[in-house]
Amino acid sequence: TVYLQMNSLKPEDTAVYYCAADQEPVFSTRVTRVLSDYDY
């Protein structure tokens, strides 16, 4: 499971929230903000 704790919420946070997954090599510490990098 992955979580998103959201505090001090604002009206502009209103949206549909999606989670996404992308497979990485064993020792990877990489993260990405690029939507097209995610496969699922």
All heavy atoms as atom14 arrays in JSON, in Angstrom:
{
  "sequence": "TVYLQMNSLKPEDTAVYYCAADQEPVFSTRVTRVLSDYDY",
  "atom14_mask": [
    [1, 1, 1, 1, 1, 1, 1, 0, 0, 0, 0, 0, 0, 0],
    [1, 1, 1, 1, 1, 1, 1, 0, 0, 0, 0, 0, 0, 0],
    [1, 1, 1, 1, 1, 1, 1, 1, 1, 1, 1, 1, 0, 0],
    [1, 1, 1, 1, 1, 1, 1, 1, 0, 0, 0, 0, 0, 0],
    [1, 1, 1, 1, 1, 1, 1, 1, 1, 0, 0, 0, 0, 0],
    [1, 1, 1, 1, 1, 1, 1, 1, 0, 0, 0, 0, 0, 0],
    [1, 1, 1, 1, 1, 1, 1, 1, 0, 0, 0, 0, 0, 0],
    [1, 1, 1, 1, 1, 1, 0, 0, 0, 0, 0, 0, 0, 0],
    [1, 1, 1, 1, 1, 1, 1, 1, 0, 0, 0, 0, 0, 0],
    [1, 1, 1, 1, 1, 1, 1, 1, 1, 0, 0, 0, 0, 0],
    [1, 1, 1, 1, 1, 1, 1, 0, 0, 0, 0, 0, 0, 0],
    [1, 1, 1, 1, 1, 1, 1, 1, 1, 0, 0, 0, 0, 0],
    [1, 1, 1, 1, 1, 1, 1, 1, 0, 0, 0, 0, 0, 0],
    [1, 1, 1, 1, 1, 1, 1, 0, 0, 0, 0, 0, 0, 0],
    [1, 1, 1, 1, 1, 0, 0, 0, 0, 0, 0, 0, 0, 0],
    [1, 1, 1, 1, 1, 1, 1, 0, 0, 0, 0, 0, 0, 0],
    [1, 1, 1, 1, 1, 1, 1, 1, 1, 1, 1, 1, 0, 0],
    [1, 1, 1, 1, 1, 1, 1, 1, 1, 1, 1, 1, 0, 0],
    [1, 1, 1, 1, 1, 1, 0, 0, 0, 0, 0, 0, 0, 0],
    [1, 1, 1, 1, 1, 0, 0, 0, 0, 0, 0, 0, 0, 0],
    [1, 1, 1, 1, 1, 0, 0, 0, 0, 0, 0, 0, 0, 0],
    [1, 1, 1, 1, 1, 1, 1, 1, 0, 0, 0, 0, 0, 0],
    [1, 1, 1, 1, 1, 1, 1, 1, 1, 0, 0, 0, 0, 0],
    [1, 1, 1, 1, 1, 1, 1, 1, 1, 0, 0, 0, 0, 0],
    [1, 1, 1, 1, 1, 1, 1, 0, 0, 0, 0, 0, 0, 0],
    [1, 1, 1, 1, 1, 1, 1, 0, 0, 0, 0, 0, 0, 0],
    [1, 1, 1, 1, 1, 1, 1, 1, 1, 1, 1, 0, 0, 0],
    [1, 1, 1, 1, 1, 1, 0, 0, 0, 0, 0, 0, 0, 0],
    [1, 1, 1, 1, 1, 1, 1, 0, 0, 0, 0, 0, 0, 0],
    [1, 1, 1, 1, 1, 1, 1, 1, 1, 1, 1, 0, 0, 0],
    [1, 1, 1, 1, 1, 1, 1, 0, 0, 0, 0, 0, 0, 0],
    [1, 1, 1, 1, 1, 1, 1, 0, 0, 0, 0, 0, 0, 0],
    [1, 1, 1, 1, 1, 1, 1, 1, 1, 1, 1, 0, 0, 0],
    [1, 1, 1, 1, 1, 1, 1, 0, 0, 0, 0, 0, 0, 0],
    [1, 1, 1, 1, 1, 1, 1, 1, 0, 0, 0, 0, 0, 0],
    [1, 1, 1, 1, 1, 1, 0, 0, 0, 0, 0, 0, 0, 0],
    [1, 1, 1, 1, 1, 1, 1, 1, 0, 0, 0, 0, 0, 0],
    [1, 1, 1, 1, 1, 1, 1, 1, 1, 1, 1, 1, 0, 0],
    [1, 1, 1, 1, 1, 1, 1, 1, 0, 0, 0, 0, 0, 0],
    [1, 1, 1, 1, 1, 1, 1, 1, 1, 1, 1, 1, 0, 0]
  ],
  "atom14_positions": [
    [[0.83, -1.21, 0.0], [0.0, 0.0, 0.0], [0.86, 1.25, 0.0], [1.89, 1.3, 0.69], [-0.94, 0.01, 1.22], [-1.74, -1.18, 1.22], [-1.85, 1.22, 1.19], [0.0, 0.0, 0.0], [0.0, 0.0, 0.0], [0.0, 0.0, 0.0], [0.0, 0.0, 0.0], [0.0, 0.0, 0.0], [0.0, 0.0, 0.0], [0.0, 0.0, 0.0]],
    [[0.43, 2.24, -0.76], [1.04, 3.57, -0.72], [-0.03, 4.54, -0.2], [-1.22, 4.37, -0.48], [1.58, 3.98, -2.1], [0.48, 4.07, -3.15], [2.35, 5.29, -2.02], [0.0, 0.0, 0.0], [0.0, 0.0, 0.0], [0.0, 0.0, 0.0], [0.0, 0.0, 0.0], [0.0, 0.0, 0.0], [0.0, 0.0, 0.0], [0.0, 0.0, 0.0]],
    [[0.43, 5.53, 0.57], [-0.47, 6.47, 1.22], [-0.16, 7.9, 0.79], [0.96, 8.22, 0.4], [-0.33, 6.38, 2.74], [-0.53, 4.99, 3.29], [0.55, 4.15, 3.53], [-1.81, 4.52, 3.58], [0.38, 2.88, 4.03], [-1.99, 3.24, 4.09], [-0.9, 2.43, 4.31], [-1.08, 1.16, 4.81], [0.0, 0.0, 0.0], [0.0, 0.0, 0.0]],
    [[-1.19, 8.73, 0.91], [-0.99, 10.16, 0.74], [-1.72, 10.86, 1.88], [-2.96, 10.89, 1.9], [-1.52, 10.65, -0.61], [-1.24, 12.12, -0.91], [0.26, 12.35, -1.11], [-2.01, 12.6, -2.15], [0.0, 0.0, 0.0], [0.0, 0.0, 0.0], [0.0, 0.0, 0.0], [0.0, 0.0, 0.0], [0.0, 0.0, 0.0], [0.0, 0.0, 0.0]],
    [[-0.96, 11.35, 2.84], [-1.52, 12.11, 3.95], [-1.62, 13.56, 3.52], [-0.62, 14.17, 3.15], [-0.64, 11.99, 5.19], [-1.1, 12.82, 6.37], [-2.44, 12.36, 6.93], [-2.67, 11.16, 7.07], [-3.31, 13.3, 7.25], [0.0, 0.0, 0.0], [0.0, 0.0, 0.0], [0.0, 0.0, 0.0], [0.0, 0.0, 0.0], [0.0, 0.0, 0.0]],
    [[-2.83, 14.1, 3.59], [-3.07, 15.46, 3.13], [-3.57, 16.31, 4.29], [-4.62, 16.0, 4.88], [-4.1, 15.45, 2.0], [-3.72, 14.56, 0.84], [-4.84, 14.69, -0.57], [-6.33, 14.0, 0.17], [0.0, 0.0, 0.0], [0.0, 0.0, 0.0], [0.0, 0.0, 0.0], [0.0, 0.0, 0.0], [0.0, 0.0, 0.0], [0.0, 0.0, 0.0]],
    [[-2.82, 17.33, 4.63], [-3.18, 18.24, 5.72], [-3.4, 19.65, 5.17], [-2.99, 19.96, 4.05], [-2.07, 18.27, 6.77], [-1.82, 16.92, 7.4], [-2.74, 16.13, 7.57], [-0.57, 16.66, 7.77], [0.0, 0.0, 0.0], [0.0, 0.0, 0.0], [0.0, 0.0, 0.0], [0.0, 0.0, 0.0], [0.0, 0.0, 0.0], [0.0, 0.0, 0.0]],
    [[-4.04, 20.46, 5.99], [-4.31, 21.87, 5.62], [-4.9, 21.96, 4.22], [-4.45, 22.73, 3.38], [-3.0, 22.69, 5.68], [-2.44, 22.62, 6.97], [0.0, 0.0, 0.0], [0.0, 0.0, 0.0], [0.0, 0.0, 0.0], [0.0, 0.0, 0.0], [0.0, 0.0, 0.0], [0.0, 0.0, 0.0], [0.0, 0.0, 0.0], [0.0, 0.0, 0.0]],
    [[-5.92, 21.18, 4.0], [-6.51, 21.1, 2.67], [-7.16, 22.42, 2.27], [-7.72, 23.15, 3.1], [-7.53, 19.97, 2.61], [-6.9, 18.57, 2.48], [-7.88, 17.5, 2.9], [-6.41, 18.35, 1.07], [0.0, 0.0, 0.0], [0.0, 0.0, 0.0], [0.0, 0.0, 0.0], [0.0, 0.0, 0.0], [0.0, 0.0, 0.0], [0.0, 0.0, 0.0]],
    [[-7.08, 22.7, 0.97], [-7.62, 23.92, 0.38], [-8.64, 23.55, -0.7], [-8.56, 22.46, -1.28], [-6.5, 24.73, -0.26], [-5.34, 25.05, 0.65], [-4.21, 25.74, -0.11], [-3.03, 26.03, 0.78], [-1.93, 26.7, 0.04], [0.0, 0.0, 0.0], [0.0, 0.0, 0.0], [0.0, 0.0, 0.0], [0.0, 0.0, 0.0], [0.0, 0.0, 0.0]],
    [[-9.56, 24.44, -0.99], [-10.52, 24.14, -2.06], [-9.84, 23.78, -3.38], [-10.36, 22.95, -4.15], [-11.33, 25.43, -2.17], [-11.28, 26.01, -0.79], [-9.89, 25.68, -0.29], [0.0, 0.0, 0.0], [0.0, 0.0, 0.0], [0.0, 0.0, 0.0], [0.0, 0.0, 0.0], [0.0, 0.0, 0.0], [0.0, 0.0, 0.0], [0.0, 0.0, 0.0]],
    [[-8.7, 24.38, -3.66], [-7.99, 24.08, -4.9], [-7.38, 22.69, -4.93], [-6.86, 22.25, -5.96], [-6.92, 25.12, -5.2], [-5.98, 25.41, -4.06], [-6.38, 26.63, -3.25], [-7.6, 26.79, -2.95], [-5.47, 27.42, -2.91], [0.0, 0.0, 0.0], [0.0, 0.0, 0.0], [0.0, 0.0, 0.0], [0.0, 0.0, 0.0], [0.0, 0.0, 0.0]],
    [[-7.43, 21.96, -3.81], [-7.0, 20.56, -3.8], [-8.1, 19.63, -4.29], [-7.87, 18.42, -4.45], [-6.58, 20.14, -2.39], [-5.36, 20.87, -1.89], [-4.41, 21.06, -2.69], [-5.35, 21.27, -0.71], [0.0, 0.0, 0.0], [0.0, 0.0, 0.0], [0.0, 0.0, 0.0], [0.0, 0.0, 0.0], [0.0, 0.0, 0.0], [0.0, 0.0, 0.0]],
    [[-9.28, 20.16, -4.52], [-10.38, 19.35, -5.02], [-10.03, 18.74, -6.37], [-9.65, 19.45, -7.3], [-11.66, 20.2, -5.15], [-12.07, 20.62, -3.85], [-12.78, 19.41, -5.81], [0.0, 0.0, 0.0], [0.0, 0.0, 0.0], [0.0, 0.0, 0.0], [0.0, 0.0, 0.0], [0.0, 0.0, 0.0], [0.0, 0.0, 0.0], [0.0, 0.0, 0.0]],
    [[-10.14, 17.42, -6.47], [-9.77, 16.71, -7.69], [-10.03, 15.23, -7.51], [-10.29, 14.75, -6.4], [-8.29, 16.93, -8.01], [0.0, 0.0, 0.0], [0.0, 0.0, 0.0], [0.0, 0.0, 0.0], [0.0, 0.0, 0.0], [0.0, 0.0, 0.0], [0.0, 0.0, 0.0], [0.0, 0.0, 0.0], [0.0, 0.0, 0.0], [0.0, 0.0, 0.0]],
    [[-9.91, 14.5, -8.62], [-9.82, 13.05, -8.54], [-8.34, 12.71, -8.4], [-7.51, 13.18, -9.19], [-10.41, 12.38, -9.8], [-10.22, 10.86, -9.71], [-11.88, 12.74, -9.96], [0.0, 0.0, 0.0], [0.0, 0.0, 0.0], [0.0, 0.0, 0.0], [0.0, 0.0, 0.0], [0.0, 0.0, 0.0], [0.0, 0.0, 0.0], [0.0, 0.0, 0.0]],
    [[-8.03, 11.92, -7.39], [-6.65, 11.56, -7.11], [-6.38, 10.14, -7.6], [-7.15, 9.21, -7.3], [-6.36, 11.67, -5.61], [-6.19, 13.1, -5.17], [-7.27, 13.97, -5.11], [-4.92, 13.59, -4.84], [-7.09, 15.29, -4.73], [-4.75, 14.91, -4.45], [-5.83, 15.75, -4.4], [-5.65, 17.07, -4.03], [0.0, 0.0, 0.0], [0.0, 0.0, 0.0]],
    [[-5.28, 10.0, -8.33], [-4.89, 8.72, -8.91], [-3.53, 8.29, -8.38], [-2.63, 9.12, -8.24], [-4.77, 8.84, -10.43], [-6.04, 9.24, -11.15], [-6.34, 10.59, -11.36], [-6.91, 8.28, -11.63], [-7.5, 10.96, -12.02], [-8.07, 8.64, -12.3], [-8.35, 9.97, -12.5], [-9.5, 10.34, -13.17], [0.0, 0.0, 0.0], [0.0, 0.0, 0.0]],
    [[-3.39, 7.0, -8.12], [-2.05, 6.49, -7.86], [-1.55, 5.77, -9.11], [-2.35, 5.31, -9.95], [-2.01, 5.59, -6.64], [-2.84, 4.02, -6.79], [0.0, 0.0, 0.0], [0.0, 0.0, 0.0], [0.0, 0.0, 0.0], [0.0, 0.0, 0.0], [0.0, 0.0, 0.0], [0.0, 0.0, 0.0], [0.0, 0.0, 0.0], [0.0, 0.0, 0.0]],
    [[-0.24, 5.68, -9.22], [0.39, 5.11, -10.4], [1.65, 4.36, -9.99], [2.28, 4.69, -8.98], [0.73, 6.21, -11.39], [0.0, 0.0, 0.0], [0.0, 0.0, 0.0], [0.0, 0.0, 0.0], [0.0, 0.0, 0.0], [0.0, 0.0, 0.0], [0.0, 0.0, 0.0], [0.0, 0.0, 0.0], [0.0, 0.0, 0.0], [0.0, 0.0, 0.0]],
    [[2.01, 3.36, -10.79], [3.17, 2.51, -10.5], [4.07, 2.38, -11.71], [3.6, 2.32, -12.85], [2.69, 1.13, -10.05], [0.0, 0.0, 0.0], [0.0, 0.0, 0.0], [0.0, 0.0, 0.0], [0.0, 0.0, 0.0], [0.0, 0.0, 0.0], [0.0, 0.0, 0.0], [0.0, 0.0, 0.0], [0.0, 0.0, 0.0], [0.0, 0.0, 0.0]],
    [[5.37, 2.31, -11.43], [6.36, 2.14, -12.48], [7.47, 1.24, -11.95], [8.05, 1.53, -10.9], [6.94, 3.5, -12.89], [8.03, 3.36, -13.92], [7.83, 2.64, -14.92], [9.11, 3.96, -13.73], [0.0, 0.0, 0.0], [0.0, 0.0, 0.0], [0.0, 0.0, 0.0], [0.0, 0.0, 0.0], [0.0, 0.0, 0.0], [0.0, 0.0, 0.0]],
    [[7.78, 0.17, -12.68], [8.78, -0.78, -12.22], [10.19, -0.21, -12.34], [10.52, 0.44, -13.35], [8.68, -2.08, -13.01], [9.53, -3.21, -12.43], [9.16, -4.56, -13.0], [8.28, -4.67, -13.85], [9.81, -5.6, -12.51], [0.0, 0.0, 0.0], [0.0, 0.0, 0.0], [0.0, 0.0, 0.0], [0.0, 0.0, 0.0], [0.0, 0.0, 0.0]],
    [[11.0, -0.46, -11.31], [12.35, 0.07, -11.26], [13.34, -1.05, -10.89], [12.95, -2.04, -10.26], [12.44, 1.18, -10.22], [11.98, 2.52, -10.71], [13.0, 3.18, -11.62], [13.98, 3.75, -11.09], [12.82, 3.14, -12.85], [0.0, 0.0, 0.0], [0.0, 0.0, 0.0], [0.0, 0.0, 0.0], [0.0, 0.0, 0.0], [0.0, 0.0, 0.0]],
    [[14.62, -0.9, -11.24], [15.63, -1.89, -10.84], [15.76, -2.0, -9.33], [15.37, -1.09, -8.6], [16.92, -1.33, -11.47], [16.47, -0.44, -12.56], [15.17, 0.15, -12.09], [0.0, 0.0, 0.0], [0.0, 0.0, 0.0], [0.0, 0.0, 0.0], [0.0, 0.0, 0.0], [0.0, 0.0, 0.0], [0.0, 0.0, 0.0], [0.0, 0.0, 0.0]],
    [[16.4, -3.06, -8.89], [16.42, -3.43, -7.48], [16.92, -2.32, -6.57], [16.31, -2.02, -5.54], [17.27, -4.7, -7.27], [17.43, -4.98, -5.78], [16.64, -5.88, -7.96], [0.0, 0.0, 0.0], [0.0, 0.0, 0.0], [0.0, 0.0, 0.0], [0.0, 0.0, 0.0], [0.0, 0.0, 0.0], [0.0, 0.0, 0.0], [0.0, 0.0, 0.0]],
    [[18.01, -1.68, -6.88], [18.62, -0.71, -5.97], [18.28, 0.74, -6.34], [18.9, 1.67, -5.83], [20.13, -0.9, -5.93], [20.53, -2.24, -5.43], [21.08, -3.19, -6.27], [20.35, -2.57, -4.1], [21.45, -4.44, -5.8], [20.71, -3.82, -3.61], [21.26, -4.75, -4.47], [0.0, 0.0, 0.0], [0.0, 0.0, 0.0], [0.0, 0.0, 0.0]],
    [[17.29, 0.92, -7.15], [16.94, 2.27, -7.59], [16.33, 3.09, -6.47], [15.5, 2.6, -5.7], [15.94, 2.21, -8.76], [15.45, 3.49, -9.06], [0.0, 0.0, 0.0], [0.0, 0.0, 0.0], [0.0, 0.0, 0.0], [0.0, 0.0, 0.0], [0.0, 0.0, 0.0], [0.0, 0.0, 0.0], [0.0, 0.0, 0.0], [0.0, 0.0, 0.0]],
    [[16.73, 4.35, -6.4], [16.11, 5.31, -5.48], [15.44, 6.43, -6.27], [15.09, 7.47, -5.72], [17.18, 5.92, -4.55], [18.15, 6.61, -5.34], [17.86, 4.86, -3.72], [0.0, 0.0, 0.0], [0.0, 0.0, 0.0], [0.0, 0.0, 0.0], [0.0, 0.0, 0.0], [0.0, 0.0, 0.0], [0.0, 0.0, 0.0], [0.0, 0.0, 0.0]],
    [[15.23, 6.21, -7.53], [14.69, 7.25, -8.4], [13.22, 7.48, -8.17], [12.46, 6.56, -7.84], [14.94, 6.9, -9.86], [16.4, 6.82, -10.24], [16.61, 6.68, -11.73], [15.89, 5.54, -12.29], [15.93, 5.21, -13.57], [16.62, 5.97, -14.41], [15.27, 4.16, -14.01], [0.0, 0.0, 0.0], [0.0, 0.0, 0.0], [0.0, 0.0, 0.0]],
    [[12.81, 8.72, -8.35], [11.41, 9.1, -8.36], [11.18, 9.93, -9.62], [12.13, 10.44, -10.23], [11.02, 9.93, -7.12], [11.05, 9.08, -5.86], [11.95, 11.13, -6.96], [0.0, 0.0, 0.0], [0.0, 0.0, 0.0], [0.0, 0.0, 0.0], [0.0, 0.0, 0.0], [0.0, 0.0, 0.0], [0.0, 0.0, 0.0], [0.0, 0.0, 0.0]],
    [[9.94, 10.06, -10.02], [9.64, 10.83, -11.22], [8.3, 11.53, -11.1], [7.37, 10.98, -10.5], [9.66, 9.95, -12.48], [9.33, 10.76, -13.63], [8.64, 8.82, -12.39], [0.0, 0.0, 0.0], [0.0, 0.0, 0.0], [0.0, 0.0, 0.0], [0.0, 0.0, 0.0], [0.0, 0.0, 0.0], [0.0, 0.0, 0.0], [0.0, 0.0, 0.0]],
    [[8.21, 12.73, -11.67], [6.98, 13.48, -11.73], [6.33, 13.37, -13.11], [5.28, 13.97, -13.36], [7.22, 14.95, -11.4], [8.1, 15.66, -12.41], [8.17, 17.16, -12.15], [8.88, 17.47, -10.92], [8.35, 18.13, -9.9], [7.11, 18.54, -9.96], [9.06, 18.4, -8.82], [0.0, 0.0, 0.0], [0.0, 0.0, 0.0], [0.0, 0.0, 0.0]],
    [[6.96, 12.62, -14.0], [6.5, 12.56, -15.39], [5.4, 11.51, -15.53], [5.62, 10.32, -15.28], [7.68, 12.23, -16.33], [7.18, 12.12, -17.76], [8.75, 13.3, -16.2], [0.0, 0.0, 0.0], [0.0, 0.0, 0.0], [0.0, 0.0, 0.0], [0.0, 0.0, 0.0], [0.0, 0.0, 0.0], [0.0, 0.0, 0.0], [0.0, 0.0, 0.0]],
    [[4.24, 11.95, -15.94], [3.07, 11.09, -16.04], [3.33, 9.88, -16.95], [2.95, 8.76, -16.61], [1.9, 11.93, -16.56], [0.51, 11.35, -16.57], [-0.5, 12.47, -16.35], [0.21, 10.65, -17.88], [0.0, 0.0, 0.0], [0.0, 0.0, 0.0], [0.0, 0.0, 0.0], [0.0, 0.0, 0.0], [0.0, 0.0, 0.0], [0.0, 0.0, 0.0]],
    [[4.0, 10.1, -18.06], [4.2, 9.02, -19.03], [5.22, 7.98, -18.57], [5.35, 6.92, -19.19], [4.64, 9.6, -20.38], [5.84, 10.32, -20.23], [0.0, 0.0, 0.0], [0.0, 0.0, 0.0], [0.0, 0.0, 0.0], [0.0, 0.0, 0.0], [0.0, 0.0, 0.0], [0.0, 0.0, 0.0], [0.0, 0.0, 0.0], [0.0, 0.0, 0.0]],
    [[5.93, 8.25, -17.47], [6.86, 7.25, -16.94], [6.13, 6.11, -16.24], [6.7, 5.05, -16.03], [7.83, 7.9, -15.94], [8.91, 8.71, -16.63], [9.12, 8.51, -17.85], [9.55, 9.54, -15.95], [0.0, 0.0, 0.0], [0.0, 0.0, 0.0], [0.0, 0.0, 0.0], [0.0, 0.0, 0.0], [0.0, 0.0, 0.0], [0.0, 0.0, 0.0]],
    [[4.89, 6.31, -15.88], [4.15, 5.32, -15.1], [3.36, 4.39, -16.02], [2.68, 4.84, -16.94], [3.21, 6.02, -14.12], [3.96, 6.74, -13.02], [4.36, 8.07, -13.18], [4.29, 6.1, -11.84], [5.05, 8.73, -12.19], [4.97, 6.76, -10.83], [5.36, 8.07, -11.02], [6.06, 8.71, -10.03], [0.0, 0.0, 0.0], [0.0, 0.0, 0.0]],
    [[3.44, 3.12, -15.73], [2.82, 2.11, -16.59], [1.44, 1.68, -16.12], [0.64, 1.18, -16.92], [3.72, 0.87, -16.67], [5.04, 1.16, -17.37], [5.02, 1.92, -18.34], [6.06, 0.62, -16.93], [0.0, 0.0, 0.0], [0.0, 0.0, 0.0], [0.0, 0.0, 0.0], [0.0, 0.0, 0.0], [0.0, 0.0, 0.0], [0.0, 0.0, 0.0]],
    [[1.17, 1.8, -14.84], [-0.08, 1.31, -14.27], [-0.77, 2.41, -13.48], [-0.1, 3.17, -12.75], [0.18, 0.1, -13.37], [0.89, -1.03, -14.08], [2.26, -1.19, -13.94], [0.19, -1.9, -14.89], [2.91, -2.21, -14.6], [0.83, -2.94, -15.55], [2.2, -3.08, -15.4], [2.84, -4.1, -16.07], [0.0, 0.0, 0.0], [0.0, 0.0, 0.0]]
  ]
}
